[in-house]
Amino acid sequence: MIDTGNNRVSTTISVGPTGTDPFNIEVTHQAVYVTEQAAGTLTVIDPKSNKVVATVTVGASPYGVAVG
């Protein structure tokens, strides 16, 4: 996570196992969604606590995420 007030990294959050290739991010007020291409997963992060709340298997090579 980056603090836009000072443009510095404020928190580092691990998503997926090592080498999973985080590929795309979608940010809403409720969650941050990260696709991990090599793992075929989507990780959901709570932006208030900066904690991973779910990791969902979505299939081979997710290249993007859309939240509606």
N, C-alpha and C. Protein backbone atom coordinates (compact mmCIF):
# COMPACT_ATOMS: atom_id res chain seq x y z
N MET A 1 0.85 -1.17 0.00
CA MET A 1 0.00 0.00 0.00
C MET A 1 0.89 1.23 0.00
N ILE A 2 0.47 2.26 -0.73
CA ILE A 2 1.25 3.48 -0.83
C ILE A 2 0.47 4.62 -0.18
N ASP A 3 1.12 5.34 0.70
CA ASP A 3 0.54 6.53 1.31
C ASP A 3 0.68 7.66 0.30
N THR A 4 -0.43 8.09 -0.28
CA THR A 4 -0.37 9.12 -1.32
C THR A 4 -0.06 10.50 -0.76
N GLY A 5 -0.11 10.65 0.55
CA GLY A 5 0.26 11.92 1.17
C GLY A 5 1.75 12.20 1.08
N ASN A 6 2.55 11.11 1.15
CA ASN A 6 4.00 11.30 1.09
C ASN A 6 4.66 10.43 0.01
N ASN A 7 3.83 9.71 -0.77
CA ASN A 7 4.32 8.85 -1.85
C ASN A 7 5.33 7.80 -1.37
N ARG A 8 5.05 7.21 -0.22
CA ARG A 8 5.91 6.18 0.34
C ARG A 8 5.11 4.91 0.60
N VAL A 9 5.79 3.78 0.53
CA VAL A 9 5.16 2.50 0.85
C VAL A 9 4.86 2.50 2.34
N SER A 10 3.59 2.28 2.69
CA SER A 10 3.18 2.28 4.10
C SER A 10 3.04 0.87 4.64
N THR A 11 2.65 -0.07 3.78
CA THR A 11 2.43 -1.45 4.19
C THR A 11 2.69 -2.36 3.00
N THR A 12 3.28 -3.51 3.27
CA THR A 12 3.45 -4.52 2.24
C THR A 12 2.54 -5.69 2.58
N ILE A 13 1.77 -6.15 1.61
CA ILE A 13 0.81 -7.24 1.83
C ILE A 13 1.15 -8.37 0.86
N SER A 14 1.42 -9.55 1.40
CA SER A 14 1.73 -10.70 0.56
C SER A 14 0.45 -11.29 -0.02
N VAL A 15 0.48 -11.57 -1.33
CA VAL A 15 -0.66 -12.20 -1.99
C VAL A 15 -0.16 -13.43 -2.73
N GLY A 16 -0.85 -14.54 -2.55
CA GLY A 16 -0.50 -15.77 -3.24
C GLY A 16 0.86 -16.29 -2.84
N PRO A 17 1.16 -17.54 -3.22
CA PRO A 17 2.47 -18.09 -2.92
C PRO A 17 3.56 -17.41 -3.75
N THR A 18 4.80 -17.54 -3.32
CA THR A 18 5.93 -16.94 -4.03
C THR A 18 5.92 -17.36 -5.49
N GLY A 19 6.12 -16.39 -6.38
CA GLY A 19 6.18 -16.66 -7.81
C GLY A 19 4.83 -16.73 -8.50
N THR A 20 3.76 -16.24 -7.85
CA THR A 20 2.43 -16.34 -8.46
C THR A 20 2.14 -15.23 -9.46
N ASP A 21 3.01 -14.24 -9.57
CA ASP A 21 2.89 -13.21 -10.59
C ASP A 21 1.63 -12.36 -10.43
N PRO A 22 1.53 -11.54 -9.34
CA PRO A 22 0.40 -10.62 -9.25
C PRO A 22 0.32 -9.80 -10.53
N PHE A 23 -0.87 -9.74 -11.13
CA PHE A 23 -0.97 -9.22 -12.49
C PHE A 23 -1.82 -7.97 -12.60
N ASN A 24 -2.96 -7.95 -11.94
CA ASN A 24 -3.89 -6.84 -12.10
C ASN A 24 -4.51 -6.49 -10.76
N ILE A 25 -4.85 -5.22 -10.57
CA ILE A 25 -5.43 -4.74 -9.32
C ILE A 25 -6.67 -3.91 -9.64
N GLU A 26 -7.71 -4.11 -8.84
CA GLU A 26 -8.92 -3.28 -8.90
C GLU A 26 -9.17 -2.79 -7.48
N VAL A 27 -9.39 -1.51 -7.31
CA VAL A 27 -9.57 -0.92 -5.99
C VAL A 27 -10.96 -0.30 -5.88
N THR A 28 -11.66 -0.64 -4.80
CA THR A 28 -12.93 -0.01 -4.47
C THR A 28 -12.82 0.49 -3.03
N HIS A 29 -13.86 1.14 -2.53
CA HIS A 29 -13.86 1.58 -1.13
C HIS A 29 -13.94 0.39 -0.18
N GLN A 30 -14.52 -0.72 -0.66
CA GLN A 30 -14.73 -1.88 0.19
C GLN A 30 -13.59 -2.89 0.14
N ALA A 31 -12.86 -2.97 -0.97
CA ALA A 31 -11.84 -4.01 -1.11
C ALA A 31 -10.83 -3.68 -2.19
N VAL A 32 -9.69 -4.35 -2.10
CA VAL A 32 -8.67 -4.32 -3.14
C VAL A 32 -8.60 -5.75 -3.69
N TYR A 33 -8.72 -5.89 -5.00
CA TYR A 33 -8.72 -7.20 -5.65
C TYR A 33 -7.44 -7.35 -6.47
N VAL A 34 -6.73 -8.46 -6.28
CA VAL A 34 -5.48 -8.70 -6.98
C VAL A 34 -5.54 -10.06 -7.65
N THR A 35 -5.31 -10.10 -8.97
CA THR A 35 -5.24 -11.39 -9.66
C THR A 35 -3.80 -11.88 -9.64
N GLU A 36 -3.64 -13.19 -9.42
CA GLU A 36 -2.33 -13.82 -9.46
C GLU A 36 -2.32 -14.78 -10.64
N GLN A 37 -1.65 -14.36 -11.71
CA GLN A 37 -1.71 -15.08 -12.98
C GLN A 37 -1.23 -16.53 -12.86
N ALA A 38 -0.05 -16.76 -12.32
CA ALA A 38 0.52 -18.11 -12.29
C ALA A 38 -0.24 -19.04 -11.35
N ALA A 39 -0.86 -18.49 -10.31
CA ALA A 39 -1.59 -19.32 -9.34
C ALA A 39 -3.04 -19.55 -9.74
N GLY A 40 -3.56 -18.72 -10.65
CA GLY A 40 -4.97 -18.83 -11.03
C GLY A 40 -5.90 -18.43 -9.90
N THR A 41 -5.50 -17.40 -9.14
CA THR A 41 -6.29 -16.99 -7.98
C THR A 41 -6.58 -15.50 -8.00
N LEU A 42 -7.53 -15.11 -7.18
CA LEU A 42 -7.89 -13.72 -6.93
C LEU A 42 -7.81 -13.52 -5.43
N THR A 43 -7.04 -12.55 -4.99
CA THR A 43 -6.94 -12.24 -3.57
C THR A 43 -7.73 -10.98 -3.28
N VAL A 44 -8.47 -11.00 -2.17
CA VAL A 44 -9.28 -9.86 -1.74
C VAL A 44 -8.66 -9.31 -0.45
N ILE A 45 -8.38 -8.01 -0.45
CA ILE A 45 -7.76 -7.34 0.69
C ILE A 45 -8.72 -6.30 1.25
N ASP A 46 -8.87 -6.26 2.57
CA ASP A 46 -9.66 -5.22 3.24
C ASP A 46 -8.76 -3.98 3.36
N PRO A 47 -9.12 -2.86 2.69
CA PRO A 47 -8.25 -1.68 2.74
C PRO A 47 -8.21 -0.98 4.09
N LYS A 48 -9.16 -1.26 4.96
CA LYS A 48 -9.16 -0.63 6.28
C LYS A 48 -8.17 -1.31 7.22
N SER A 49 -8.07 -2.63 7.12
CA SER A 49 -7.16 -3.37 7.99
C SER A 49 -5.87 -3.80 7.29
N ASN A 50 -5.84 -3.67 5.94
CA ASN A 50 -4.71 -4.14 5.12
C ASN A 50 -4.45 -5.63 5.31
N LYS A 51 -5.52 -6.39 5.49
CA LYS A 51 -5.42 -7.85 5.67
C LYS A 51 -6.09 -8.56 4.51
N VAL A 52 -5.52 -9.70 4.13
CA VAL A 52 -6.14 -10.56 3.13
C VAL A 52 -7.36 -11.20 3.77
N VAL A 53 -8.53 -11.04 3.14
CA VAL A 53 -9.76 -11.62 3.69
C VAL A 53 -10.21 -12.85 2.91
N ALA A 54 -9.69 -13.03 1.69
CA ALA A 54 -10.07 -14.21 0.90
C ALA A 54 -9.09 -14.40 -0.25
N THR A 55 -8.89 -15.65 -0.60
CA THR A 55 -8.18 -16.01 -1.82
C THR A 55 -9.04 -17.03 -2.53
N VAL A 56 -9.42 -16.72 -3.77
CA VAL A 56 -10.38 -17.53 -4.52
C VAL A 56 -9.71 -18.08 -5.77
N THR A 57 -9.85 -19.39 -5.99
CA THR A 57 -9.37 -19.99 -7.23
C THR A 57 -10.32 -19.61 -8.34
N VAL A 58 -9.77 -19.02 -9.42
CA VAL A 58 -10.63 -18.53 -10.50
C VAL A 58 -10.34 -19.18 -11.84
N GLY A 59 -9.28 -19.98 -11.93
CA GLY A 59 -8.95 -20.63 -13.21
C GLY A 59 -7.64 -20.14 -13.76
N ALA A 60 -7.27 -20.68 -14.89
CA ALA A 60 -5.95 -20.44 -15.48
C ALA A 60 -5.74 -18.98 -15.91
N SER A 61 -4.63 -18.43 -15.52
CA SER A 61 -4.13 -17.13 -15.99
C SER A 61 -5.14 -15.99 -15.97
N PRO A 62 -5.64 -15.61 -14.79
CA PRO A 62 -6.55 -14.46 -14.77
C PRO A 62 -5.77 -13.18 -15.10
N TYR A 63 -6.14 -12.55 -16.19
CA TYR A 63 -5.43 -11.36 -16.65
C TYR A 63 -6.05 -10.06 -16.18
N GLY A 64 -7.22 -10.10 -15.59
CA GLY A 64 -7.86 -8.87 -15.16
C GLY A 64 -8.97 -9.14 -14.17
N VAL A 65 -9.52 -8.06 -13.66
CA VAL A 65 -10.63 -8.17 -12.73
C VAL A 65 -11.54 -6.97 -12.97
N ALA A 66 -12.84 -7.22 -12.92
CA ALA A 66 -13.83 -6.15 -13.06
C ALA A 66 -14.82 -6.28 -11.91
N VAL A 67 -15.10 -5.19 -11.26
CA VAL A 67 -16.01 -5.19 -10.13
C VAL A 67 -17.17 -4.27 -10.47
N GLY A 68 -18.38 -4.77 -10.30
CA GLY A 68 -19.53 -3.96 -10.66
C GLY A 68 -20.47 -3.71 -9.53
